[in-house]
Amino acid sequence: MSATPDLTGARWAKSSFSGNGGAQCVEWAPNIATSGLVPVRDSKTPDGPALIFEAAAWASFVAFAKTRVI
């Protein structure tokens, strides 16, 4: 995996399906994802660490999640 991207200017987004006022969501930074690495964090701890995924791995996860009813 490549170096960790600088998240200083990250603009975090979450699914439009997020419920519970957005308190239990996974957020990602699409503006950073253009680098080929996708930062993902827990919305409950916005100052906490972010996991960094390669874009292809994140796309596979999203495609899988879209096929499931949660």
PDB file of N, CA and C in Angstrom:
ATOM      1  N   MET A   1       0.849  -1.177   0.000  1.00  0.00           N
ATOM      2  CA  MET A   1       0.000   0.000   0.000  1.00  0.00           C
ATOM      3  C   MET A   1       0.889   1.232   0.000  1.00  0.00           C
ATOM      4  N   SER A   2       0.401   2.295  -0.564  1.00  0.00           N
ATOM      5  CA  SER A   2       1.137   3.558  -0.654  1.00  0.00           C
ATOM      6  C   SER A   2       1.133   4.288   0.682  1.00  0.00           C
ATOM      7  N   ALA A   3       1.834   5.406   0.697  1.00  0.00           N
ATOM      8  CA  ALA A   3       1.900   6.237   1.903  1.00  0.00           C
ATOM      9  C   ALA A   3       0.520   6.761   2.290  1.00  0.00           C
ATOM     10  N   THR A   4       0.359   7.045   3.554  1.00  0.00           N
ATOM     11  CA  THR A   4      -0.899   7.592   4.056  1.00  0.00           C
ATOM     12  C   THR A   4      -1.115   8.997   3.503  1.00  0.00           C
ATOM     13  N   PRO A   5      -2.295   9.267   2.938  1.00  0.00           N
ATOM     14  CA  PRO A   5      -2.554  10.607   2.400  1.00  0.00           C
ATOM     15  C   PRO A   5      -2.726  11.640   3.514  1.00  0.00           C
ATOM     16  N   ASP A   6      -2.450  12.888   3.181  1.00  0.00           N
ATOM     17  CA  ASP A   6      -2.666  13.999   4.112  1.00  0.00           C
ATOM     18  C   ASP A   6      -4.169  14.254   4.192  1.00  0.00           C
ATOM     19  N   LEU A   7      -4.746  14.124   5.370  1.00  0.00           N
ATOM     20  CA  LEU A   7      -6.197  14.260   5.542  1.00  0.00           C
ATOM     21  C   LEU A   7      -6.609  15.641   6.034  1.00  0.00           C
ATOM     22  N   THR A   8      -5.676  16.577   6.059  1.00  0.00           N
ATOM     23  CA  THR A   8      -5.962  17.919   6.565  1.00  0.00           C
ATOM     24  C   THR A   8      -7.158  18.555   5.865  1.00  0.00           C
ATOM     25  N   GLY A   9      -7.235  18.448   4.558  1.00  0.00           N
ATOM     26  CA  GLY A   9      -8.326  19.071   3.807  1.00  0.00           C
ATOM     27  C   GLY A   9      -9.449  18.117   3.445  1.00  0.00           C
ATOM     28  N   ALA A  10      -9.529  16.990   4.145  1.00  0.00           N
ATOM     29  CA  ALA A  10     -10.555  15.990   3.821  1.00  0.00           C
ATOM     30  C   ALA A  10     -11.958  16.549   4.039  1.00  0.00           C
ATOM     31  N   ARG A  11     -12.831  16.301   3.068  1.00  0.00           N
ATOM     32  CA  ARG A  11     -14.256  16.632   3.194  1.00  0.00           C
ATOM     33  C   ARG A  11     -14.985  15.295   3.324  1.00  0.00           C
ATOM     34  N   TRP A  12     -15.490  15.033   4.503  1.00  0.00           N
ATOM     35  CA  TRP A  12     -16.064  13.730   4.817  1.00  0.00           C
ATOM     36  C   TRP A  12     -17.513  13.642   4.364  1.00  0.00           C
ATOM     37  N   ALA A  13     -17.895  12.461   3.865  1.00  0.00           N
ATOM     38  CA  ALA A  13     -19.258  12.213   3.383  1.00  0.00           C
ATOM     39  C   ALA A  13     -19.731  10.873   3.939  1.00  0.00           C
ATOM     40  N   LYS A  14     -21.043  10.707   3.984  1.00  0.00           N
ATOM     41  CA  LYS A  14     -21.615   9.427   4.407  1.00  0.00           C
ATOM     42  C   LYS A  14     -22.800   9.099   3.521  1.00  0.00           C
ATOM     43  N   SER A  15     -23.250   7.892   3.599  1.00  0.00           N
ATOM     44  CA  SER A  15     -24.353   7.428   2.773  1.00  0.00           C
ATOM     45  C   SER A  15     -25.631   8.205   3.062  1.00  0.00           C
ATOM     46  N   SER A  16     -26.411   8.417   2.023  1.00  0.00           N
ATOM     47  CA  SER A  16     -27.721   9.051   2.205  1.00  0.00           C
ATOM     48  C   SER A  16     -28.665   8.119   2.965  1.00  0.00           C
ATOM     49  N   PHE A  17     -28.291   6.853   3.109  1.00  0.00           N
ATOM     50  CA  PHE A  17     -29.096   5.888   3.853  1.00  0.00           C
ATOM     51  C   PHE A  17     -28.743   5.873   5.340  1.00  0.00           C
ATOM     52  N   SER A  18     -27.794   6.687   5.748  1.00  0.00           N
ATOM     53  CA  SER A  18     -27.383   6.726   7.151  1.00  0.00           C
ATOM     54  C   SER A  18     -28.552   7.147   8.026  1.00  0.00           C
ATOM     55  N   GLY A  19     -28.787   6.382   9.052  1.00  0.00           N
ATOM     56  CA  GLY A  19     -29.881   6.698   9.961  1.00  0.00           C
ATOM     57  C   GLY A  19     -29.355   7.165  11.301  1.00  0.00           C
ATOM     58  N   ASN A  20     -30.225   7.245  12.276  1.00  0.00           N
ATOM     59  CA  ASN A  20     -29.881   7.593  13.652  1.00  0.00           C
ATOM     60  C   ASN A  20     -29.161   8.941  13.741  1.00  0.00           C
ATOM     61  N   GLY A  21     -29.566   9.881  12.905  1.00  0.00           N
ATOM     62  CA  GLY A  21     -28.962  11.210  12.948  1.00  0.00           C
ATOM     63  C   GLY A  21     -27.505  11.233  12.539  1.00  0.00           C
ATOM     64  N   GLY A  22     -27.048  10.172  11.880  1.00  0.00           N
ATOM     65  CA  GLY A  22     -25.661  10.122  11.443  1.00  0.00           C
ATOM     66  C   GLY A  22     -24.675   9.749  12.524  1.00  0.00           C
ATOM     67  N   ALA A  23     -25.170   9.262  13.655  1.00  0.00           N
ATOM     68  CA  ALA A  23     -24.283   8.971  14.787  1.00  0.00           C
ATOM     69  C   ALA A  23     -23.587   7.617  14.683  1.00  0.00           C
ATOM     70  N   GLN A  24     -24.047   6.763  13.812  1.00  0.00           N
ATOM     71  CA  GLN A  24     -23.448   5.430  13.684  1.00  0.00           C
ATOM     72  C   GLN A  24     -23.132   5.158  12.224  1.00  0.00           C
ATOM     73  N   CYS A  25     -22.251   5.953  11.677  1.00  0.00           N
ATOM     74  CA  CYS A  25     -21.977   5.884  10.250  1.00  0.00           C
ATOM     75  C   CYS A  25     -20.498   5.688   9.964  1.00  0.00           C
ATOM     76  N   VAL A  26     -20.264   5.178   8.796  1.00  0.00           N
ATOM     77  CA  VAL A  26     -18.927   5.145   8.232  1.00  0.00           C
ATOM     78  C   VAL A  26     -18.853   6.320   7.279  1.00  0.00           C
ATOM     79  N   GLU A  27     -17.819   7.127   7.400  1.00  0.00           N
ATOM     80  CA  GLU A  27     -17.627   8.270   6.517  1.00  0.00           C
ATOM     81  C   GLU A  27     -16.391   8.030   5.655  1.00  0.00           C
ATOM     82  N   TRP A  28     -16.408   8.600   4.467  1.00  0.00           N
ATOM     83  CA  TRP A  28     -15.247   8.521   3.585  1.00  0.00           C
ATOM     84  C   TRP A  28     -14.978   9.903   3.013  1.00  0.00           C
ATOM     85  N   ALA A  29     -13.791  10.106   2.493  1.00  0.00           N
ATOM     86  CA  ALA A  29     -13.393  11.421   1.975  1.00  0.00           C
ATOM     87  C   ALA A  29     -13.215  11.341   0.458  1.00  0.00           C
ATOM     88  N   PRO A  30     -14.289  11.626  -0.296  1.00  0.00           N
ATOM     89  CA  PRO A  30     -14.202  11.502  -1.753  1.00  0.00           C
ATOM     90  C   PRO A  30     -13.174  12.429  -2.393  1.00  0.00           C
ATOM     91  N   ASN A  31     -12.922  13.586  -1.796  1.00  0.00           N
ATOM     92  CA  ASN A  31     -11.938  14.488  -2.397  1.00  0.00           C
ATOM     93  C   ASN A  31     -10.514  13.948  -2.259  1.00  0.00           C
ATOM     94  N   ILE A  32     -10.267  13.123  -1.270  1.00  0.00           N
ATOM     95  CA  ILE A  32      -8.954  12.492  -1.114  1.00  0.00           C
ATOM     96  C   ILE A  32      -8.885  11.219  -1.955  1.00  0.00           C
ATOM     97  N   ALA A  33     -10.026  10.571  -2.168  1.00  0.00           N
ATOM     98  CA  ALA A  33     -10.078   9.309  -2.899  1.00  0.00           C
ATOM     99  C   ALA A  33      -9.578   9.441  -4.334  1.00  0.00           C
ATOM    100  N   THR A  34      -9.545  10.646  -4.864  1.00  0.00           N
ATOM    101  CA  THR A  34      -9.035  10.831  -6.222  1.00  0.00           C
ATOM    102  C   THR A  34      -7.558  10.463  -6.321  1.00  0.00           C
ATOM    103  N   SER A  35      -6.883  10.332  -5.180  1.00  0.00           N
ATOM    104  CA  SER A  35      -5.468   9.938  -5.163  1.00  0.00           C
ATOM    105  C   SER A  35      -5.299   8.434  -5.359  1.00  0.00           C
ATOM    106  N   GLY A  36      -6.417   7.683  -5.349  1.00  0.00           N
ATOM    107  CA  GLY A  36      -6.354   6.230  -5.454  1.00  0.00           C
ATOM    108  C   GLY A  36      -6.410   5.538  -4.107  1.00  0.00           C
ATOM    109  N   LEU A  37      -6.405   6.325  -3.036  1.00  0.00           N
ATOM    110  CA  LEU A  37      -6.533   5.798  -1.681  1.00  0.00           C
ATOM    111  C   LEU A  37      -7.774   6.405  -1.046  1.00  0.00           C
ATOM    112  N   VAL A  38      -8.561   5.579  -0.368  1.00  0.00           N
ATOM    113  CA  VAL A  38      -9.832   6.030   0.196  1.00  0.00           C
ATOM    114  C   VAL A  38      -9.764   5.997   1.722  1.00  0.00           C
ATOM    115  N   PRO A  39      -9.775   7.185   2.357  1.00  0.00           N
ATOM    116  CA  PRO A  39      -9.807   7.217   3.814  1.00  0.00           C
ATOM    117  C   PRO A  39     -11.233   6.997   4.326  1.00  0.00           C
ATOM    118  N   VAL A  40     -11.353   6.180   5.367  1.00  0.00           N
ATOM    119  CA  VAL A  40     -12.651   5.836   5.948  1.00  0.00           C
ATOM    120  C   VAL A  40     -12.524   5.999   7.460  1.00  0.00           C
ATOM    121  N   ARG A  41     -13.555   6.583   8.083  1.00  0.00           N
ATOM    122  CA  ARG A  41     -13.515   6.777   9.537  1.00  0.00           C
ATOM    123  C   ARG A  41     -14.893   6.531  10.140  1.00  0.00           C
ATOM    124  N   ASP A  42     -14.922   6.441  11.456  1.00  0.00           N
ATOM    125  CA  ASP A  42     -16.147   6.275  12.234  1.00  0.00           C
ATOM    126  C   ASP A  42     -16.686   7.665  12.566  1.00  0.00           C
ATOM    127  N   SER A  43     -17.941   7.934  12.219  1.00  0.00           N
ATOM    128  CA  SER A  43     -18.512   9.266  12.456  1.00  0.00           C
ATOM    129  C   SER A  43     -18.614   9.609  13.941  1.00  0.00           C
ATOM    130  N   LYS A  44     -18.627   8.594  14.814  1.00  0.00           N
ATOM    131  CA  LYS A  44     -18.708   8.863  16.255  1.00  0.00           C
ATOM    132  C   LYS A  44     -17.406   9.447  16.798  1.00  0.00           C
ATOM    133  N   THR A  45     -16.308   9.192  16.109  1.00  0.00           N
ATOM    134  CA  THR A  45     -15.001   9.698  16.557  1.00  0.00           C
ATOM    135  C   THR A  45     -14.291  10.395  15.398  1.00  0.00           C
ATOM    136  N   PRO A  46     -14.795  11.563  15.002  1.00  0.00           N
ATOM    137  CA  PRO A  46     -14.222  12.247  13.838  1.00  0.00           C
ATOM    138  C   PRO A  46     -12.760  12.647  14.002  1.00  0.00           C
ATOM    139  N   ASP A  47     -12.282  12.771  15.222  1.00  0.00           N
ATOM    140  CA  ASP A  47     -10.872  13.095  15.435  1.00  0.00           C
ATOM    141  C   ASP A  47     -10.019  11.840  15.599  1.00  0.00           C
ATOM    142  N   GLY A  48     -10.658  10.688  15.498  1.00  0.00           N
ATOM    143  CA  GLY A  48      -9.934   9.431  15.629  1.00  0.00           C
ATOM    144  C   GLY A  48      -9.232   9.052  14.337  1.00  0.00           C
ATOM    145  N   PRO A  49      -8.653   7.871  14.314  1.00  0.00           N
ATOM    146  CA  PRO A  49      -7.899   7.446  13.138  1.00  0.00           C
ATOM    147  C   PRO A  49      -8.810   7.112  11.959  1.00  0.00           C
ATOM    148  N   ALA A  50      -8.237   7.166  10.786  1.00  0.00           N
ATOM    149  CA  ALA A  50      -8.936   6.753   9.567  1.00  0.00           C
ATOM    150  C   ALA A  50      -8.244   5.505   9.032  1.00  0.00           C
ATOM    151  N   LEU A  51      -9.032   4.599   8.502  1.00  0.00           N
ATOM    152  CA  LEU A  51      -8.475   3.456   7.790  1.00  0.00           C
ATOM    153  C   LEU A  51      -8.292   3.883   6.343  1.00  0.00           C
ATOM    154  N   ILE A  52      -7.229   3.438   5.706  1.00  0.00           N
ATOM    155  CA  ILE A  52      -6.950   3.813   4.331  1.00  0.00           C
ATOM    156  C   ILE A  52      -7.040   2.559   3.466  1.00  0.00           C
ATOM    157  N   PHE A  53      -7.918   2.598   2.461  1.00  0.00           N
ATOM    158  CA  PHE A  53      -8.104   1.480   1.544  1.00  0.00           C
ATOM    159  C   PHE A  53      -7.690   1.883   0.137  1.00  0.00           C
ATOM    160  N   GLU A  54      -7.188   0.932  -0.625  1.00  0.00           N
ATOM    161  CA  GLU A  54      -6.971   1.188  -2.040  1.00  0.00           C
ATOM    162  C   GLU A  54      -8.344   1.326  -2.684  1.00  0.00           C
ATOM    163  N   ALA A  55      -8.432   2.152  -3.713  1.00  0.00           N
ATOM    164  CA  ALA A  55      -9.720   2.463  -4.339  1.00  0.00           C
ATOM    165  C   ALA A  55     -10.451   1.208  -4.815  1.00  0.00           C
ATOM    166  N   ALA A  56      -9.742   0.254  -5.391  1.00  0.00           N
ATOM    167  CA  ALA A  56     -10.385  -0.966  -5.888  1.00  0.00           C
ATOM    168  C   ALA A  56     -11.006  -1.773  -4.750  1.00  0.00           C
ATOM    169  N   ALA A  57     -10.324  -1.845  -3.616  1.00  0.00           N
ATOM    170  CA  ALA A  57     -10.862  -2.575  -2.464  1.00  0.00           C
ATOM    171  C   ALA A  57     -12.109  -1.889  -1.926  1.00  0.00           C
ATOM    172  N   TRP A  58     -12.085  -0.563  -1.854  1.00  0.00           N
ATOM    173  CA  TRP A  58     -13.248   0.187  -1.371  1.00  0.00           C
ATOM    174  C   TRP A  58     -14.424   0.009  -2.330  1.00  0.00           C
ATOM    175  N   ALA A  59     -14.163   0.065  -3.635  1.00  0.00           N
ATOM    176  CA  ALA A  59     -15.226  -0.115  -4.631  1.00  0.00           C
ATOM    177  C   ALA A  59     -15.852  -1.501  -4.509  1.00  0.00           C
ATOM    178  N   SER A  60     -15.037  -2.517  -4.253  1.00  0.00           N
ATOM    179  CA  SER A  60     -15.565  -3.871  -4.062  1.00  0.00           C
ATOM    180  C   SER A  60     -16.456  -3.946  -2.830  1.00  0.00           C
ATOM    181  N   PHE A  61     -16.026  -3.326  -1.742  1.00  0.00           N
ATOM    182  CA  PHE A  61     -16.832  -3.310  -0.522  1.00  0.00           C
ATOM    183  C   PHE A  61     -18.172  -2.620  -0.767  1.00  0.00           C
ATOM    184  N   VAL A  62     -18.155  -1.459  -1.410  1.00  0.00           N
ATOM    185  CA  VAL A  62     -19.390  -0.712  -1.671  1.00  0.00           C
ATOM    186  C   VAL A  62     -20.321  -1.527  -2.567  1.00  0.00           C
ATOM    187  N   ALA A  63     -19.781  -2.156  -3.605  1.00  0.00           N
ATOM    188  CA  ALA A  63     -20.607  -2.980  -4.493  1.00  0.00           C
ATOM    189  C   ALA A  63     -21.252  -4.124  -3.714  1.00  0.00           C
ATOM    190  N   PHE A  64     -20.496  -4.765  -2.838  1.00  0.00           N
ATOM    191  CA  PHE A  64     -21.036  -5.840  -2.010  1.00  0.00           C
ATOM    192  C   PHE A  64     -22.119  -5.312  -1.077  1.00  0.00           C
ATOM    193  N   ALA A  65     -21.850  -4.198  -0.407  1.00  0.00           N
ATOM    194  CA  ALA A  65     -22.808  -3.630   0.548  1.00  0.00           C
ATOM    195  C   ALA A  65     -24.122  -3.265  -0.131  1.00  0.00           C
ATOM    196  N   LYS A  66     -24.063  -2.825  -1.369  1.00  0.00           N
ATOM    197  CA  LYS A  66     -25.283  -2.443  -2.091  1.00  0.00           C
ATOM    198  C   LYS A  66     -26.187  -3.635  -2.374  1.00  0.00           C
ATOM    199  N   THR A  67     -25.646  -4.848  -2.320  1.00  0.00           N
ATOM    200  CA  THR A  67     -26.450  -6.036  -2.602  1.00  0.00           C
ATOM    201  C   THR A  67     -27.106  -6.610  -1.354  1.00  0.00           C
ATOM    202  N   ARG A  68     -26.863  -6.009  -0.211  1.00  0.00           N
ATOM    203  CA  ARG A  68     -27.359  -6.533   1.059  1.00  0.00           C
ATOM    204  C   ARG A  68     -28.381  -5.604   1.692  1.00  0.00           C
ATOM    205  N   VAL A  69     -29.299  -6.206   2.434  1.00  0.00           N
ATOM    206  CA  VAL A  69     -30.249  -5.439   3.234  1.00  0.00           C
ATOM    207  C   VAL A  69     -29.738  -5.501   4.666  1.00  0.00           C
ATOM    208  N   ILE A  70     -29.512  -4.348   5.236  1.00  0.00           N
ATOM    209  CA  ILE A  70     -28.956  -4.301   6.594  1.00  0.00           C
ATOM    210  C   ILE A  70     -30.029  -3.855   7.563  1.00  0.00           C
TER     211      ILE A  70
END
